[in-house]
C-alpha atoms as a PDB file:
ATOM      1  CA  UNK A   1     -94.092 134.697  38.442  1.00  0.00           C
ATOM      2  CA  UNK A   2     -94.821 136.660  35.253  1.00  0.00           C
ATOM      3  CA  UNK A   3     -91.293 138.114  35.293  1.00  0.00           C
ATOM      4  CA  UNK A   4     -89.760 134.640  35.588  1.00  0.00           C
ATOM      5  CA  UNK A   5     -91.964 133.312  32.770  1.00  0.00           C
ATOM      6  CA  UNK A   6     -91.002 136.235  30.482  1.00  0.00           C
ATOM      7  CA  UNK A   7     -87.311 135.734  31.322  1.00  0.00           C
ATOM      8  CA  UNK A   8     -87.619 132.015  30.499  1.00  0.00           C
ATOM      9  CA  UNK A   9     -89.261 132.770  27.127  1.00  0.00           C
ATOM     10  CA  UNK A  10     -86.550 135.303  26.242  1.00  0.00           C
ATOM     11  CA  UNK A  11     -83.834 132.742  27.043  1.00  0.00           C
ATOM     12  CA  UNK A  12     -85.519 130.148  24.784  1.00  0.00           C
ATOM     13  CA  UNK A  13     -85.838 132.636  21.887  1.00  0.00           C
ATOM     14  CA  UNK A  14     -82.190 133.700  22.189  1.00  0.00           C
ATOM     15  CA  UNK A  15     -81.068 130.066  22.357  1.00  0.00           C
ATOM     16  CA  UNK A  16     -83.078 129.099  19.271  1.00  0.00           C
ATOM     17  CA  UNK A  17     -81.858 132.123  17.341  1.00  0.00           C
ATOM     18  CA  UNK A  18     -78.247 131.385  18.269  1.00  0.00           C
ATOM     19  CA  UNK A  19     -78.679 127.765  17.180  1.00  0.00           C
ATOM     20  CA  UNK A  20     -80.196 128.655  13.821  1.00  0.00           C
ATOM     21  CA  UNK A  21     -77.595 131.241  12.801  1.00  0.00           C
ATOM     22  CA  UNK A  22     -74.687 129.169  14.065  1.00  0.00           C
ATOM     23  CA  UNK A  23     -71.835 129.334  11.566  1.00  0.00           C
ATOM     24  CA  UNK A  24     -71.022 126.191   9.595  1.00  0.00           C
ATOM     25  CA  UNK A  25     -67.597 126.637   7.965  1.00  0.00           C
ATOM     26  CA  UNK A  26     -67.025 124.888   4.646  1.00  0.00           C
ATOM     27  CA  UNK A  27     -63.260 125.311   4.205  1.00  0.00           C
ATOM     28  CA  UNK A  28     -62.033 122.771   6.763  1.00  0.00           C
ATOM     29  CA  UNK A  29     -59.090 120.369   6.659  1.00  0.00           C
ATOM     30  CA  UNK A  30     -59.824 116.920   5.161  1.00  0.00           C
ATOM     31  CA  UNK A  31     -63.262 117.901   3.830  1.00  0.00           C
ATOM     32  CA  UNK A  32     -63.853 115.822   0.685  1.00  0.00           C
ATOM     33  CA  UNK A  33     -66.476 115.723  -2.054  1.00  0.00           C
ATOM     34  CA  UNK A  34     -67.347 113.060  -4.643  1.00  0.00           C
ATOM     35  CA  UNK A  35     -69.026 114.386  -7.811  1.00  0.00           C
ATOM     36  CA  UNK A  36     -70.949 112.407 -10.441  1.00  0.00           C
ATOM     37  CA  UNK A  37     -71.461 113.863 -13.909  1.00  0.00           C
ATOM     38  CA  UNK A  38     -73.829 112.376 -16.487  1.00  0.00           C
ATOM     39  CA  UNK A  39     -73.438 113.744 -20.023  1.00  0.00           C
ATOM     40  CA  UNK A  40     -75.733 112.929 -22.918  1.00  0.00           C
ATOM     41  CA  UNK A  41     -74.104 111.296 -25.950  1.00  0.00           C
ATOM     42  CA  UNK A  42     -75.722 109.873 -29.124  1.00  0.00           C
ATOM     43  CA  UNK A  43     -75.968 106.307 -27.798  1.00  0.00           C
ATOM     44  CA  UNK A  44     -76.621 106.893 -24.101  1.00  0.00           C
ATOM     45  CA  UNK A  45     -74.822 108.649 -21.283  1.00  0.00           C
ATOM     46  CA  UNK A  46     -71.167 109.139 -20.401  1.00  0.00           C
ATOM     47  CA  UNK A  47     -70.521 108.992 -16.662  1.00  0.00           C
ATOM     48  CA  UNK A  48     -67.597 110.707 -14.956  1.00  0.00           C
ATOM     49  CA  UNK A  49     -66.661 110.673 -11.274  1.00  0.00           C
ATOM     50  CA  UNK A  50     -64.217 113.076  -9.663  1.00  0.00           C
ATOM     51  CA  UNK A  51     -63.617 114.616  -6.286  1.00  0.00           C
ATOM     52  CA  UNK A  52     -62.109 117.413  -4.224  1.00  0.00           C
ATOM     53  CA  UNK A  53     -60.265 117.354  -0.941  1.00  0.00           C
ATOM     54  CA  UNK A  54     -58.870 120.107   1.281  1.00  0.00           C
ATOM     55  CA  UNK A  55     -55.247 119.761   2.336  1.00  0.00           C
ATOM     56  CA  UNK A  56     -53.129 122.528   3.821  1.00  0.00           C
ATOM     57  CA  UNK A  57     -53.171 126.298   4.192  1.00  0.00           C
ATOM     58  CA  UNK A  58     -51.813 129.290   2.323  1.00  0.00           C
ATOM     59  CA  UNK A  59     -51.856 133.097   2.436  1.00  0.00           C
ATOM     60  CA  UNK A  60     -52.974 135.111  -0.619  1.00  0.00           C
ATOM     61  CA  UNK A  61     -53.047 138.926  -0.505  1.00  0.00           C
ATOM     62  CA  UNK A  62     -52.947 138.780   3.272  1.00  0.00           C
ATOM     63  CA  UNK A  63     -55.935 136.428   3.577  1.00  0.00           C
ATOM     64  CA  UNK A  64     -55.859 132.845   4.871  1.00  0.00           C
ATOM     65  CA  UNK A  65     -57.110 130.146   2.478  1.00  0.00           C
ATOM     66  CA  UNK A  66     -57.393 126.374   2.468  1.00  0.00           C
ATOM     67  CA  UNK A  67     -55.923 124.516  -0.514  1.00  0.00           C
ATOM     68  CA  UNK A  68     -58.367 122.461  -2.611  1.00  0.00           C
ATOM     69  CA  UNK A  69     -57.116 119.538  -4.701  1.00  0.00           C
ATOM     70  CA  UNK A  70     -59.072 117.733  -7.414  1.00  0.00           C
ATOM     71  CA  UNK A  71     -58.760 114.079  -8.428  1.00  0.00           C
ATOM     72  CA  UNK A  72     -60.336 111.901 -11.114  1.00  0.00           C
ATOM     73  CA  UNK A  73     -61.800 108.542 -10.115  1.00  0.00           C
ATOM     74  CA  UNK A  74     -63.596 106.876 -13.000  1.00  0.00           C
ATOM     75  CA  UNK A  75     -65.045 107.365 -16.477  1.00  0.00           C
ATOM     76  CA  UNK A  76     -67.460 104.931 -18.064  1.00  0.00           C
ATOM     77  CA  UNK A  77     -69.878 104.588 -20.975  1.00  0.00           C
ATOM     78  CA  UNK A  78     -72.336 102.605 -18.827  1.00  0.00           C
ATOM     79  CA  UNK A  79     -75.923 103.683 -19.342  1.00  0.00           C
ATOM     80  CA  UNK A  80     -76.690 103.468 -15.630  1.00  0.00           C
ATOM     81  CA  UNK A  81     -75.094 105.012 -12.582  1.00  0.00           C
ATOM     82  CA  UNK A  82     -71.918 103.214 -11.559  1.00  0.00           C
ATOM     83  CA  UNK A  83     -71.736 102.262  -7.885  1.00  0.00           C
ATOM     84  CA  UNK A  84     -68.363 103.160  -6.402  1.00  0.00           C
ATOM     85  CA  UNK A  85     -67.726 101.023  -3.364  1.00  0.00           C
ATOM     86  CA  UNK A  86     -65.207 101.295  -1.936  1.00  0.00           C
ATOM     87  CA  UNK A  87     -63.644 104.573  -3.037  1.00  0.00           C
ATOM     88  CA  UNK A  88     -60.063 104.027  -4.326  1.00  0.00           C
ATOM     89  CA  UNK A  89     -57.402 104.763  -1.671  1.00  0.00           C
ATOM     90  CA  UNK A  90     -56.074 108.323  -1.603  1.00  0.00           C
ATOM     91  CA  UNK A  91     -52.534 107.320  -2.593  1.00  0.00           C
ATOM     92  CA  UNK A  92     -53.825 105.768  -5.834  1.00  0.00           C
ATOM     93  CA  UNK A  93     -55.345 109.039  -7.003  1.00  0.00           C
ATOM     94  CA  UNK A  94     -53.424 111.694  -8.930  1.00  0.00           C
ATOM     95  CA  UNK A  95     -54.322 115.002  -7.282  1.00  0.00           C
ATOM     96  CA  UNK A  96     -53.983 118.446  -8.819  1.00  0.00           C
ATOM     97  CA  UNK A  97     -54.319 121.819  -7.159  1.00  0.00           C
ATOM     98  CA  UNK A  98     -57.789 123.139  -8.056  1.00  0.00           C
ATOM     99  CA  UNK A  99     -57.756 126.390  -6.112  1.00  0.00           C
ATOM    100  CA  UNK A 100     -58.359 127.925  -2.719  1.00  0.00           C
ATOM    101  CA  UNK A 101     -61.307 128.450  -0.339  1.00  0.00           C
ATOM    102  CA  UNK A 102     -61.990 130.650   2.656  1.00  0.00           C
ATOM    103  CA  UNK A 103     -65.011 131.330   4.870  1.00  0.00           C
ATOM    104  CA  UNK A 104     -66.078 134.821   5.843  1.00  0.00           C
ATOM    105  CA  UNK A 105     -69.276 135.076   7.851  1.00  0.00           C
ATOM    106  CA  UNK A 106     -72.174 133.722   5.775  1.00  0.00           C
ATOM    107  CA  UNK A 107     -70.077 133.639   2.583  1.00  0.00           C
ATOM    108  CA  UNK A 108     -67.546 131.272   1.020  1.00  0.00           C
ATOM    109  CA  UNK A 109     -64.936 132.769  -1.312  1.00  0.00           C
ATOM    110  CA  UNK A 110     -62.895 130.880  -3.897  1.00  0.00           C
ATOM    111  CA  UNK A 111     -59.966 131.316  -6.232  1.00  0.00           C
ATOM    112  CA  UNK A 112     -59.603 128.706  -8.968  1.00  0.00           C
ATOM    113  CA  UNK A 113     -56.587 128.243 -11.212  1.00  0.00           C
ATOM    114  CA  UNK A 114     -58.735 127.826 -14.324  1.00  0.00           C
ATOM    115  CA  UNK A 115     -62.019 129.330 -15.484  1.00  0.00           C
ATOM    116  CA  UNK A 116     -64.825 127.499 -13.720  1.00  0.00           C
ATOM    117  CA  UNK A 117     -68.016 127.791 -15.817  1.00  0.00           C
ATOM    118  CA  UNK A 118     -68.884 131.508 -15.406  1.00  0.00           C
ATOM    119  CA  UNK A 119     -66.364 131.970 -12.574  1.00  0.00           C
ATOM    120  CA  UNK A 120     -63.118 133.536 -13.817  1.00  0.00           C
ATOM    121  CA  UNK A 121     -59.685 132.126 -12.985  1.00  0.00           C
ATOM    122  CA  UNK A 122     -57.113 133.625 -10.629  1.00  0.00           C
ATOM    123  CA  UNK A 123     -59.436 136.199  -9.061  1.00  0.00           C
ATOM    124  CA  UNK A 124     -61.430 135.816  -5.864  1.00  0.00           C
ATOM    125  CA  UNK A 125     -65.145 135.269  -6.364  1.00  0.00           C
ATOM    126  CA  UNK A 126     -68.140 134.567  -4.137  1.00  0.00           C
ATOM    127  CA  UNK A 127     -68.727 130.830  -4.416  1.00  0.00           C
ATOM    128  CA  UNK A 128     -71.580 130.480  -1.893  1.00  0.00           C
ATOM    129  CA  UNK A 129     -73.667 132.794   0.257  1.00  0.00           C
ATOM    130  CA  UNK A 130     -75.929 131.618   3.084  1.00  0.00           C
ATOM    131  CA  UNK A 131     -77.375 135.041   3.813  1.00  0.00           C
ATOM    132  CA  UNK A 132     -80.097 134.836   1.176  1.00  0.00           C
ATOM    133  CA  UNK A 133     -83.796 134.976   2.021  1.00  0.00           C
ATOM    134  CA  UNK A 134     -86.821 133.550   0.195  1.00  0.00           C
ATOM    135  CA  UNK A 135     -87.443 135.492  -3.016  1.00  0.00           C
ATOM    136  CA  UNK A 136     -83.834 136.693  -3.386  1.00  0.00           C
ATOM    137  CA  UNK A 137     -82.012 136.164  -6.676  1.00  0.00           C
ATOM    138  CA  UNK A 138     -78.773 134.217  -6.308  1.00  0.00           C
ATOM    139  CA  UNK A 139     -75.848 136.422  -7.302  1.00  0.00           C
ATOM    140  CA  UNK A 140     -73.394 133.552  -7.727  1.00  0.00           C
ATOM    141  CA  UNK A 141     -71.322 132.723 -10.806  1.00  0.00           C
ATOM    142  CA  UNK A 142     -72.113 128.994 -10.458  1.00  0.00           C
ATOM    143  CA  UNK A 143     -75.787 129.984 -10.789  1.00  0.00           C
ATOM    144  CA  UNK A 144     -75.161 132.230 -13.795  1.00  0.00           C
ATOM    145  CA  UNK A 145     -74.082 129.812 -16.503  1.00  0.00           C
ATOM    146  CA  UNK A 146     -75.818 130.377 -19.893  1.00  0.00           C
ATOM    147  CA  UNK A 147     -78.457 129.630 -20.994  1.00  0.00           C
ATOM    148  CA  UNK A 148     -79.880 129.627 -17.442  1.00  0.00           C
ATOM    149  CA  UNK A 149     -79.392 133.234 -16.298  1.00  0.00           C
ATOM    150  CA  UNK A 150     -81.294 133.460 -13.000  1.00  0.00           C
ATOM    151  CA  UNK A 151     -82.072 131.539  -9.842  1.00  0.00           C
ATOM    152  CA  UNK A 152     -84.384 132.666  -7.064  1.00  0.00           C
ATOM    153  CA  UNK A 153     -84.609 131.286  -3.542  1.00  0.00           C
ATOM    154  CA  UNK A 154     -87.764 129.158  -3.297  1.00  0.00           C
ATOM    155  CA  UNK A 155     -87.522 128.075   0.341  1.00  0.00           C
ATOM    156  CA  UNK A 156     -85.143 127.691   3.271  1.00  0.00           C
ATOM    157  CA  UNK A 157     -84.976 124.796   5.729  1.00  0.00           C
ATOM    158  CA  UNK A 158     -82.870 123.999   8.779  1.00  0.00           C
ATOM    159  CA  UNK A 159     -81.659 120.578   9.844  1.00  0.00           C
ATOM    160  CA  UNK A 160     -82.330 119.319  13.323  1.00  0.00           C
ATOM    161  CA  UNK A 161     -79.589 119.654  16.000  1.00  0.00           C
ATOM    162  CA  UNK A 162     -76.729 118.974  16.308  1.00  0.00           C
ATOM    163  CA  UNK A 163     -76.117 119.846  12.640  1.00  0.00           C
ATOM    164  CA  UNK A 164     -78.277 122.991  12.387  1.00  0.00           C
ATOM    165  CA  UNK A 165     -77.417 123.457   8.729  1.00  0.00           C
ATOM    166  CA  UNK A 166     -79.216 126.058   6.676  1.00  0.00           C
ATOM    167  CA  UNK A 167     -80.389 124.644   3.336  1.00  0.00           C
ATOM    168  CA  UNK A 168     -81.336 127.066   0.559  1.00  0.00           C
ATOM    169  CA  UNK A 169     -83.595 125.667  -2.171  1.00  0.00           C
ATOM    170  CA  UNK A 170     -83.569 127.220  -5.638  1.00  0.00           C
ATOM    171  CA  UNK A 171     -85.224 125.755  -8.763  1.00  0.00           C
ATOM    172  CA  UNK A 172     -84.553 122.150  -7.787  1.00  0.00           C
ATOM    173  CA  UNK A 173     -81.026 122.825  -6.470  1.00  0.00           C
ATOM    174  CA  UNK A 174     -79.962 122.972  -2.833  1.00  0.00           C
ATOM    175  CA  UNK A 175     -77.140 124.933  -1.178  1.00  0.00           C
ATOM    176  CA  UNK A 176     -76.050 123.104   1.986  1.00  0.00           C
ATOM    177  CA  UNK A 177     -74.443 125.301   4.610  1.00  0.00           C
ATOM    178  CA  UNK A 178     -70.943 124.076   5.403  1.00  0.00           C
ATOM    179  CA  UNK A 179     -71.033 121.458   2.606  1.00  0.00           C
ATOM    180  CA  UNK A 180     -71.595 122.887  -0.866  1.00  0.00           C
ATOM    181  CA  UNK A 181     -74.527 122.275  -3.200  1.00  0.00           C
ATOM    182  CA  UNK A 182     -76.625 119.383  -4.428  1.00  0.00           C
ATOM    183  CA  UNK A 183     -74.582 119.446  -7.664  1.00  0.00           C
ATOM    184  CA  UNK A 184     -71.153 119.560  -6.031  1.00  0.00           C
ATOM    185  CA  UNK A 185     -68.749 122.264  -4.897  1.00  0.00           C
ATOM    186  CA  UNK A 186     -67.534 124.282  -7.910  1.00  0.00           C
ATOM    187  CA  UNK A 187     -70.083 122.855 -10.394  1.00  0.00           C
ATOM    188  CA  UNK A 188     -72.657 125.008 -12.222  1.00  0.00           C
ATOM    189  CA  UNK A 189     -76.328 124.463 -11.377  1.00  0.00           C
ATOM    190  CA  UNK A 190     -77.423 123.790 -14.957  1.00  0.00           C
ATOM    191  CA  UNK A 191     -75.554 122.797 -18.117  1.00  0.00           C
ATOM    192  CA  UNK A 192     -77.316 121.684 -21.305  1.00  0.00           C
ATOM    193  CA  UNK A 193     -77.221 117.884 -21.783  1.00  0.00           C
ATOM    194  CA  UNK A 194     -75.038 117.462 -18.693  1.00  0.00           C
ATOM    195  CA  UNK A 195     -76.036 116.854 -15.065  1.00  0.00           C
ATOM    196  CA  UNK A 196     -73.948 117.074 -11.897  1.00  0.00           C
ATOM    197  CA  UNK A 197     -74.677 115.478  -8.537  1.00  0.00           C
ATOM    198  CA  UNK A 198     -72.949 115.556  -5.161  1.00  0.00           C
ATOM    199  CA  UNK A 199     -72.706 111.818  -4.498  1.00  0.00           C
ATOM    200  CA  UNK A 200     -70.830 111.827  -1.200  1.00  0.00           C
ATOM    201  CA  UNK A 201     -69.277 114.173   1.355  1.00  0.00           C
ATOM    202  CA  UNK A 202     -66.880 113.577   4.223  1.00  0.00           C
ATOM    203  CA  UNK A 203     -64.826 115.481   6.773  1.00  0.00           C
ATOM    204  CA  UNK A 204     -62.459 112.483   7.074  1.00  0.00           C
ATOM    205  CA  UNK A 205     -60.604 112.803   3.780  1.00  0.00           C
ATOM    206  CA  UNK A 206     -61.259 110.721   0.673  1.00  0.00           C
ATOM    207  CA  UNK A 207     -61.178 107.438   2.602  1.00  0.00           C
ATOM    208  CA  UNK A 208     -64.229 108.585   4.568  1.00  0.00           C
ATOM    209  CA  UNK A 209     -66.402 109.867   1.754  1.00  0.00           C
ATOM    210  CA  UNK A 210     -69.946 108.863   2.693  1.00  0.00           C
ATOM    211  CA  UNK A 211     -73.485 110.209   2.749  1.00  0.00           C
ATOM    212  CA  UNK A 212     -74.189 113.864   3.509  1.00  0.00           C
ATOM    213  CA  UNK A 213     -74.362 113.504   7.291  1.00  0.00           C
ATOM    214  CA  UNK A 214     -77.206 115.310   8.969  1.00  0.00           C
ATOM    215  CA  UNK A 215     -79.093 116.517   5.926  1.00  0.00           C
ATOM    216  CA  UNK A 216     -82.323 114.714   6.748  1.00  0.00           C
ATOM    217  CA  UNK A 217     -84.558 117.269   5.064  1.00  0.00           C
ATOM    218  CA  UNK A 218     -82.748 117.651   1.771  1.00  0.00           C
ATOM    219  CA  UNK A 219     -84.168 114.711  -0.162  1.00  0.00           C
ATOM    220  CA  UNK A 220     -85.826 115.694  -3.407  1.00  0.00           C
ATOM    221  CA  UNK A 221     -89.585 115.534  -3.619  1.00  0.00           C
ATOM    222  CA  UNK A 222     -91.013 112.273  -4.939  1.00  0.00           C
ATOM    223  CA  UNK A 223     -93.054 114.255  -7.452  1.00  0.00           C
ATOM    224  CA  UNK A 224     -91.627 115.215 -10.836  1.00  0.00           C
ATOM    225  CA  UNK A 225     -92.644 116.190 -14.343  1.00  0.00           C
ATOM    226  CA  UNK A 226     -91.082 116.444 -17.772  1.00  0.00           C
ATOM    227  CA  UNK A 227     -91.355 119.134 -20.422  1.00  0.00           C
ATOM    228  CA  UNK A 228     -91.067 118.143 -24.062  1.00  0.00           C
ATOM    229  CA  UNK A 229     -89.967 119.158 -26.585  1.00  0.00           C
ATOM    230  CA  UNK A 230     -87.222 121.248 -24.977  1.00  0.00           C
ATOM    231  CA  UNK A 231     -86.226 123.582 -26.586  1.00  0.00           C
ATOM    232  CA  UNK A 232     -89.708 124.295 -27.942  1.00  0.00           C
ATOM    233  CA  UNK A 233     -91.225 126.732 -30.433  1.00  0.00           C
ATOM    234  CA  UNK A 234     -95.018 126.836 -30.290  1.00  0.00           C
ATOM    235  CA  UNK A 235     -96.186 124.186 -27.814  1.00  0.00           C
ATOM    236  CA  UNK A 236     -94.876 122.258 -24.826  1.00  0.00           C
ATOM    237  CA  UNK A 237     -96.211 119.073 -23.278  1.00  0.00           C
ATOM    238  CA  UNK A 238     -96.252 118.682 -19.505  1.00  0.00           C
ATOM    239  CA  UNK A 239     -95.948 115.040 -18.470  1.00  0.00           C
ATOM    240  CA  UNK A 240     -96.533 114.715 -14.723  1.00  0.00           C
ATOM    241  CA  UNK A 241     -94.889 111.510 -13.461  1.00  0.00           C
ATOM    242  CA  UNK A 242     -97.188 110.631 -10.591  1.00  0.00           C
ATOM    243  CA  UNK A 243    -100.263 108.467 -10.175  1.00  0.00           C
ATOM    244  CA  UNK A 244    -102.150 111.288  -8.492  1.00  0.00           C
ATOM    245  CA  UNK A 245    -104.748 113.083 -10.601  1.00  0.00           C
ATOM    246  CA  UNK A 246    -103.653 116.690 -11.039  1.00  0.00           C
ATOM    247  CA  UNK A 247    -106.801 117.967 -12.752  1.00  0.00           C
ATOM    248  CA  UNK A 248    -107.491 121.494 -11.506  1.00  0.00           C
ATOM    249  CA  UNK A 249    -103.883 122.161 -10.421  1.00  0.00           C
ATOM    250  CA  UNK A 250    -102.277 125.318 -11.808  1.00  0.00           C
ATOM    251  CA  UNK A 251     -98.921 125.470 -13.555  1.00  0.00           C
ATOM    252  CA  UNK A 252     -97.175 128.854 -13.606  1.00  0.00           C
ATOM    253  CA  UNK A 253     -94.555 129.927 -16.150  1.00  0.00           C
ATOM    254  CA  UNK A 254     -92.118 132.753 -15.404  1.00  0.00           C
ATOM    255  CA  UNK A 255     -89.520 134.437 -17.595  1.00  0.00           C
ATOM    256  CA  UNK A 256     -85.849 135.091 -16.828  1.00  0.00           C
ATOM    257  CA  UNK A 257     -86.809 138.203 -14.852  1.00  0.00           C
ATOM    258  CA  UNK A 258     -89.127 136.179 -12.607  1.00  0.00           C
ATOM    259  CA  UNK A 259     -92.292 137.693 -14.099  1.00  0.00           C
ATOM    260  CA  UNK A 260     -95.388 135.525 -14.439  1.00  0.00           C
ATOM    261  CA  UNK A 261     -96.057 135.270 -18.183  1.00  0.00           C
ATOM    262  CA  UNK A 262     -98.425 132.314 -18.397  1.00  0.00           C
ATOM    263  CA  UNK A 263    -100.679 130.336 -16.073  1.00  0.00           C
ATOM    264  CA  UNK A 264    -102.709 127.288 -17.037  1.00  0.00           C
ATOM    265  CA  UNK A 265    -104.807 124.697 -15.249  1.00  0.00           C
ATOM    266  CA  UNK A 266    -103.760 121.089 -15.772  1.00  0.00           C
ATOM    267  CA  UNK A 267    -106.549 119.014 -17.266  1.00  0.00           C
ATOM    268  CA  UNK A 268    -104.825 115.683 -16.844  1.00  0.00           C
ATOM    269  CA  UNK A 269    -101.343 114.318 -16.122  1.00  0.00           C
ATOM    270  CA  UNK A 270    -100.280 115.082 -19.681  1.00  0.00           C
ATOM    271  CA  UNK A 271    -101.203 118.602 -20.755  1.00  0.00           C
ATOM    272  CA  UNK A 272    -100.274 120.561 -23.888  1.00  0.00           C
ATOM    273  CA  UNK A 273     -99.685 124.302 -23.480  1.00  0.00           C
ATOM    274  CA  UNK A 274     -99.575 126.898 -26.246  1.00  0.00           C
ATOM    275  CA  UNK A 275     -96.426 129.040 -25.878  1.00  0.00           C
ATOM    276  CA  UNK A 276     -96.516 130.689 -29.308  1.00  0.00           C
ATOM    277  CA  UNK A 277     -96.915 134.120 -27.682  1.00  0.00           C
ATOM    278  CA  UNK A 278     -93.742 133.771 -25.592  1.00  0.00           C
ATOM    279  CA  UNK A 279     -90.560 135.448 -26.739  1.00  0.00           C
ATOM    280  CA  UNK A 280     -87.342 133.522 -27.251  1.00  0.00           C
ATOM    281  CA  UNK A 281     -85.544 132.864 -23.985  1.00  0.00           C
ATOM    282  CA  UNK A 282     -85.377 130.761 -20.822  1.00  0.00           C
ATOM    283  CA  UNK A 283     -88.502 130.060 -18.764  1.00  0.00           C
ATOM    284  CA  UNK A 284     -89.391 128.192 -15.572  1.00  0.00           C
ATOM    285  CA  UNK A 285     -92.569 126.109 -15.230  1.00  0.00           C
ATOM    286  CA  UNK A 286     -93.689 125.547 -11.639  1.00  0.00           C
ATOM    287  CA  UNK A 287     -96.343 123.299 -10.080  1.00  0.00           C
ATOM    288  CA  UNK A 288     -97.453 123.769  -6.467  1.00  0.00           C
ATOM    289  CA  UNK A 289     -98.320 120.287  -5.252  1.00  0.00           C
ATOM    290  CA  UNK A 290    -101.129 119.571  -2.796  1.00  0.00           C
ATOM    291  CA  UNK A 291     -98.665 118.258  -0.174  1.00  0.00           C
ATOM    292  CA  UNK A 292     -96.933 121.658  -0.060  1.00  0.00           C
ATOM    293  CA  UNK A 293     -93.945 120.737  -2.226  1.00  0.00           C
ATOM    294  CA  UNK A 294     -92.985 122.826  -5.254  1.00  0.00           C
ATOM    295  CA  UNK A 295     -91.604 121.232  -8.400  1.00  0.00           C
ATOM    296  CA  UNK A 296     -90.282 123.150 -11.376  1.00  0.00           C
ATOM    297  CA  UNK A 297     -88.408 122.729 -14.635  1.00  0.00           C
ATOM    298  CA  UNK A 298     -86.596 125.053 -17.001  1.00  0.00           C
ATOM    299  CA  UNK A 299     -87.284 125.100 -20.707  1.00  0.00           C
ATOM    300  CA  UNK A 300     -86.104 127.151 -23.645  1.00  0.00           C
ATOM    301  CA  UNK A 301     -88.269 128.877 -26.239  1.00  0.00           C
ATOM    302  CA  UNK A 302     -86.785 129.285 -29.706  1.00  0.00           C
ATOM    303  CA  UNK A 303     -88.195 131.249 -32.638  1.00  0.00           C
END
């Protein structure tokens, strides 16, 4: 009886392990992404929408790649997010070859025809890596765009079957296994006065672009806070945008090397912190919320 019970437990463990590490390829035919960019301008925001779609195969230096095409959809000076419904038909879009993608184990490699933020053109680079563990620093060129030089893995979650996607959380960004990131596909995590967002994803081509199927656990926390001014010189103000009283909650500030340089206790939902002793550079402020969620923001210190 004990032998049977042990055998049954071993089978369950092996099954669960196999399910969790199941490969989720990204470079598949007809995969399509819709990206929304919001850029700050003097009188509001400029919104741009574009997309990518995978069509066809090619061989480069003996390796098999999928071809990735880009297409522009809409540009607008509206001060609020434009709702795109329905997406324009594929044949109405002018598509240009963006580059090439291939999967290899836990990694996704790319070649782009033009420089892509910190990713150089016409050479293969590591676009995504799903082998990271909590505490690791992301060694990805899309996560290495000045002035934000480092990203560490905060947490990892898995979606429920049948999707079983591994989601890597880093400083408010998410890397979705088999999909891309919360900011898009080739887009950098952080750019000053410009924000990217993966609006829709589909494996049915551009006509099927819809919600990110199966990512039930990837919604951003309802809690948030602002840091102002940013950049700052001597003091920053933390404005916590929640009705809950945060008195007694600690806020931790780390430098670009991940070292804890400052820790303060919030006295109310708006707290001023003296940063005059901090050197010039990029810092991350983090609040551990009582419900277990972690929220954080980057800010820049200038002297």
